[in-house]
Amino acid sequence: MYRTRTYPEARDAIAALPEVALAGYAEALGVMRLGPWNGLPINKSNSGGAVRQLVFGPGGHGLVTYLILEDQRQVDVLEAQWAG
């Protein structure tokens, strides 16, 4: 299991998510804690890169970007976006 740390900018964006997106974000958070490497690499040419993204929420309108710090068993949530 990985610890999560949320950057202030991401925290503000998460706080502003609509209610309909919250369950999806919680699911994404669970993936980040249990299997963060399951996210898609932000740079497709670097498939082993530690900066990853997960789509979340109804219709896939949410996107969370995070950094995996494997040596610390930590995931840093860098950004969350909602386009719904």
N, C-alpha and C. Protein backbone atom coordinates (compact mmCIF):
# COMPACT_ATOMS: atom_id res chain seq x y z
N MET A 1 0.84 -1.17 0.00
CA MET A 1 0.00 0.00 0.00
C MET A 1 0.89 1.25 0.00
N TYR A 2 0.46 2.24 -0.74
CA TYR A 2 1.19 3.49 -0.86
C TYR A 2 0.50 4.59 -0.06
N ARG A 3 1.29 5.45 0.55
CA ARG A 3 0.75 6.65 1.18
C ARG A 3 0.43 7.64 0.07
N THR A 4 -0.52 8.52 0.31
CA THR A 4 -0.79 9.59 -0.65
C THR A 4 -0.57 10.94 0.01
N ARG A 5 -0.06 11.84 -0.79
CA ARG A 5 0.11 13.23 -0.38
C ARG A 5 -0.47 14.07 -1.51
N THR A 6 -1.26 15.06 -1.18
CA THR A 6 -1.91 15.88 -2.19
C THR A 6 -1.34 17.29 -2.17
N TYR A 7 -0.86 17.74 -3.31
CA TYR A 7 -0.34 19.10 -3.43
C TYR A 7 -1.48 20.11 -3.22
N PRO A 8 -1.17 21.30 -2.69
CA PRO A 8 -2.21 22.30 -2.42
C PRO A 8 -3.07 22.63 -3.64
N GLU A 9 -2.46 22.75 -4.81
CA GLU A 9 -3.23 23.08 -6.01
C GLU A 9 -4.24 21.99 -6.33
N ALA A 10 -3.81 20.74 -6.18
CA ALA A 10 -4.71 19.61 -6.42
C ALA A 10 -5.79 19.56 -5.34
N ARG A 11 -5.43 19.86 -4.12
CA ARG A 11 -6.40 19.85 -3.02
C ARG A 11 -7.53 20.83 -3.30
N ASP A 12 -7.19 22.01 -3.80
CA ASP A 12 -8.21 23.01 -4.14
C ASP A 12 -9.12 22.50 -5.25
N ALA A 13 -8.52 21.87 -6.26
CA ALA A 13 -9.31 21.35 -7.38
C ALA A 13 -10.22 20.21 -6.93
N ILE A 14 -9.73 19.36 -6.05
CA ILE A 14 -10.54 18.25 -5.54
C ILE A 14 -11.70 18.78 -4.71
N ALA A 15 -11.44 19.80 -3.90
CA ALA A 15 -12.49 20.40 -3.09
C ALA A 15 -13.59 21.01 -3.96
N ALA A 16 -13.24 21.42 -5.17
CA ALA A 16 -14.20 22.04 -6.08
C ALA A 16 -14.91 21.04 -6.99
N LEU A 17 -14.57 19.75 -6.87
CA LEU A 17 -15.23 18.75 -7.72
C LEU A 17 -16.73 18.72 -7.43
N PRO A 18 -17.54 18.53 -8.47
CA PRO A 18 -18.98 18.39 -8.22
C PRO A 18 -19.26 17.07 -7.50
N GLU A 19 -20.37 17.02 -6.82
CA GLU A 19 -20.74 15.83 -6.05
C GLU A 19 -20.73 14.57 -6.90
N VAL A 20 -21.15 14.69 -8.15
CA VAL A 20 -21.22 13.53 -9.03
C VAL A 20 -19.84 12.93 -9.30
N ALA A 21 -18.78 13.68 -9.11
CA ALA A 21 -17.42 13.22 -9.39
C ALA A 21 -16.73 12.59 -8.18
N LEU A 22 -17.27 12.79 -7.00
CA LEU A 22 -16.56 12.40 -5.78
C LEU A 22 -16.36 10.89 -5.65
N ALA A 23 -17.36 10.10 -5.97
CA ALA A 23 -17.20 8.64 -5.87
C ALA A 23 -16.13 8.16 -6.84
N GLY A 24 -16.11 8.72 -8.03
CA GLY A 24 -15.09 8.35 -9.02
C GLY A 24 -13.70 8.74 -8.57
N TYR A 25 -13.58 9.90 -7.95
CA TYR A 25 -12.27 10.31 -7.44
C TYR A 25 -11.83 9.38 -6.31
N ALA A 26 -12.76 8.99 -5.45
CA ALA A 26 -12.43 8.07 -4.36
C ALA A 26 -11.93 6.74 -4.93
N GLU A 27 -12.54 6.26 -6.00
CA GLU A 27 -12.07 5.03 -6.64
C GLU A 27 -10.67 5.21 -7.20
N ALA A 28 -10.42 6.35 -7.84
CA ALA A 28 -9.08 6.63 -8.38
C ALA A 28 -8.05 6.69 -7.25
N LEU A 29 -8.43 7.27 -6.14
CA LEU A 29 -7.55 7.34 -4.98
C LEU A 29 -7.21 5.93 -4.49
N GLY A 30 -8.19 5.05 -4.50
CA GLY A 30 -7.94 3.66 -4.12
C GLY A 30 -6.94 2.98 -5.05
N VAL A 31 -7.06 3.24 -6.35
CA VAL A 31 -6.10 2.69 -7.32
C VAL A 31 -4.71 3.24 -7.04
N MET A 32 -4.63 4.53 -6.77
CA MET A 32 -3.32 5.13 -6.49
C MET A 32 -2.68 4.53 -5.25
N ARG A 33 -3.49 4.18 -4.27
CA ARG A 33 -2.96 3.62 -3.02
C ARG A 33 -2.56 2.15 -3.17
N LEU A 34 -3.31 1.40 -3.98
CA LEU A 34 -3.06 -0.04 -4.07
C LEU A 34 -2.23 -0.44 -5.28
N GLY A 35 -2.41 0.22 -6.40
CA GLY A 35 -1.70 -0.16 -7.63
C GLY A 35 -1.45 1.03 -8.52
N PRO A 36 -0.64 1.98 -8.05
CA PRO A 36 -0.47 3.23 -8.80
C PRO A 36 0.12 3.04 -10.20
N TRP A 37 0.85 1.95 -10.41
CA TRP A 37 1.45 1.73 -11.73
C TRP A 37 0.39 1.36 -12.77
N ASN A 38 -0.86 1.15 -12.34
CA ASN A 38 -1.94 0.85 -13.28
C ASN A 38 -2.40 2.08 -14.05
N GLY A 39 -2.02 3.27 -13.59
CA GLY A 39 -2.35 4.48 -14.33
C GLY A 39 -1.55 4.56 -15.61
N LEU A 40 -2.01 5.39 -16.52
CA LEU A 40 -1.31 5.57 -17.79
C LEU A 40 -0.17 6.57 -17.65
N PRO A 41 0.98 6.28 -18.25
CA PRO A 41 2.10 7.23 -18.17
C PRO A 41 1.73 8.53 -18.90
N ILE A 42 2.11 9.64 -18.33
CA ILE A 42 1.81 10.93 -18.96
C ILE A 42 2.59 11.10 -20.26
N ASN A 43 3.76 10.48 -20.32
CA ASN A 43 4.60 10.51 -21.52
C ASN A 43 4.57 9.11 -22.15
N LYS A 44 3.84 8.97 -23.23
CA LYS A 44 3.66 7.65 -23.85
C LYS A 44 4.97 7.02 -24.32
N SER A 45 5.97 7.83 -24.61
CA SER A 45 7.25 7.29 -25.04
C SER A 45 8.10 6.80 -23.86
N ASN A 46 7.63 7.05 -22.64
CA ASN A 46 8.33 6.59 -21.43
C ASN A 46 7.33 5.77 -20.61
N SER A 47 7.08 4.55 -21.06
CA SER A 47 6.03 3.74 -20.44
C SER A 47 6.33 3.38 -18.99
N GLY A 48 7.56 3.49 -18.56
CA GLY A 48 7.92 3.20 -17.18
C GLY A 48 8.01 4.43 -16.31
N GLY A 49 7.60 5.58 -16.85
CA GLY A 49 7.70 6.84 -16.12
C GLY A 49 6.84 6.87 -14.87
N ALA A 50 7.29 7.62 -13.89
CA ALA A 50 6.62 7.68 -12.60
C ALA A 50 5.49 8.69 -12.54
N VAL A 51 5.34 9.53 -13.56
CA VAL A 51 4.21 10.47 -13.59
C VAL A 51 3.11 9.80 -14.38
N ARG A 52 1.97 9.60 -13.72
CA ARG A 52 0.87 8.81 -14.28
C ARG A 52 -0.44 9.59 -14.21
N GLN A 53 -1.42 9.10 -14.95
CA GLN A 53 -2.76 9.71 -14.94
C GLN A 53 -3.82 8.63 -14.85
N LEU A 54 -4.92 8.98 -14.20
CA LEU A 54 -6.10 8.14 -14.16
C LEU A 54 -7.32 8.98 -14.54
N VAL A 55 -8.18 8.40 -15.33
CA VAL A 55 -9.46 9.01 -15.67
C VAL A 55 -10.45 8.56 -14.61
N PHE A 56 -11.36 9.44 -14.20
CA PHE A 56 -12.34 9.07 -13.19
C PHE A 56 -13.67 9.77 -13.44
N GLY A 57 -14.67 9.31 -12.72
CA GLY A 57 -15.98 9.93 -12.73
C GLY A 57 -16.87 9.49 -13.87
N PRO A 58 -18.16 9.83 -13.77
CA PRO A 58 -19.11 9.48 -14.82
C PRO A 58 -18.68 10.06 -16.17
N GLY A 59 -18.70 9.24 -17.16
CA GLY A 59 -18.32 9.69 -18.49
C GLY A 59 -16.83 9.91 -18.66
N GLY A 60 -16.05 9.61 -17.63
CA GLY A 60 -14.60 9.82 -17.71
C GLY A 60 -14.23 11.28 -17.85
N HIS A 61 -14.99 12.16 -17.18
CA HIS A 61 -14.74 13.60 -17.30
C HIS A 61 -13.68 14.12 -16.35
N GLY A 62 -13.17 13.25 -15.47
CA GLY A 62 -12.14 13.67 -14.53
C GLY A 62 -10.79 13.08 -14.88
N LEU A 63 -9.75 13.80 -14.53
CA LEU A 63 -8.39 13.34 -14.77
C LEU A 63 -7.53 13.75 -13.58
N VAL A 64 -6.83 12.77 -13.02
CA VAL A 64 -5.91 13.05 -11.91
C VAL A 64 -4.51 12.67 -12.36
N THR A 65 -3.57 13.56 -12.11
CA THR A 65 -2.16 13.35 -12.45
C THR A 65 -1.38 13.20 -11.16
N TYR A 66 -0.51 12.20 -11.12
CA TYR A 66 0.21 11.91 -9.88
C TYR A 66 1.62 11.40 -10.16
N LEU A 67 2.45 11.49 -9.14
CA LEU A 67 3.84 11.06 -9.21
C LEU A 67 4.05 9.92 -8.23
N ILE A 68 4.64 8.82 -8.71
CA ILE A 68 4.91 7.68 -7.85
C ILE A 68 6.36 7.79 -7.34
N LEU A 69 6.50 7.81 -6.03
CA LEU A 69 7.81 7.81 -5.39
C LEU A 69 8.00 6.41 -4.81
N GLU A 70 8.44 5.50 -5.66
CA GLU A 70 8.50 4.08 -5.32
C GLU A 70 9.35 3.81 -4.09
N ASP A 71 10.50 4.45 -3.98
CA ASP A 71 11.39 4.19 -2.85
C ASP A 71 10.77 4.58 -1.51
N GLN A 72 9.78 5.47 -1.55
CA GLN A 72 9.10 5.91 -0.33
C GLN A 72 7.71 5.28 -0.18
N ARG A 73 7.32 4.48 -1.19
CA ARG A 73 5.96 3.91 -1.23
C ARG A 73 4.93 5.02 -1.04
N GLN A 74 5.11 6.08 -1.83
CA GLN A 74 4.27 7.26 -1.73
C GLN A 74 3.81 7.69 -3.12
N VAL A 75 2.60 8.23 -3.17
CA VAL A 75 2.05 8.81 -4.39
C VAL A 75 1.71 10.27 -4.09
N ASP A 76 2.24 11.17 -4.90
CA ASP A 76 1.94 12.59 -4.77
C ASP A 76 0.91 12.97 -5.82
N VAL A 77 -0.26 13.43 -5.38
CA VAL A 77 -1.30 13.89 -6.30
C VAL A 77 -0.92 15.30 -6.72
N LEU A 78 -0.64 15.48 -8.00
CA LEU A 78 -0.16 16.75 -8.51
C LEU A 78 -1.27 17.66 -9.01
N GLU A 79 -2.28 17.05 -9.65
CA GLU A 79 -3.32 17.85 -10.30
C GLU A 79 -4.58 17.03 -10.45
N ALA A 80 -5.72 17.68 -10.33
CA ALA A 80 -7.00 17.05 -10.62
C ALA A 80 -7.81 18.00 -11.48
N GLN A 81 -8.45 17.45 -12.50
CA GLN A 81 -9.23 18.28 -13.43
C GLN A 81 -10.59 17.64 -13.64
N TRP A 82 -11.60 18.49 -13.84
CA TRP A 82 -12.95 18.02 -14.15
C TRP A 82 -13.46 18.82 -15.32
N ALA A 83 -13.86 18.10 -16.36
CA ALA A 83 -14.34 18.76 -17.58
C ALA A 83 -15.84 18.53 -17.79
N GLY A 84 -16.51 18.01 -16.79
CA GLY A 84 -17.92 17.64 -16.94
C GLY A 84 -18.87 18.72 -16.75
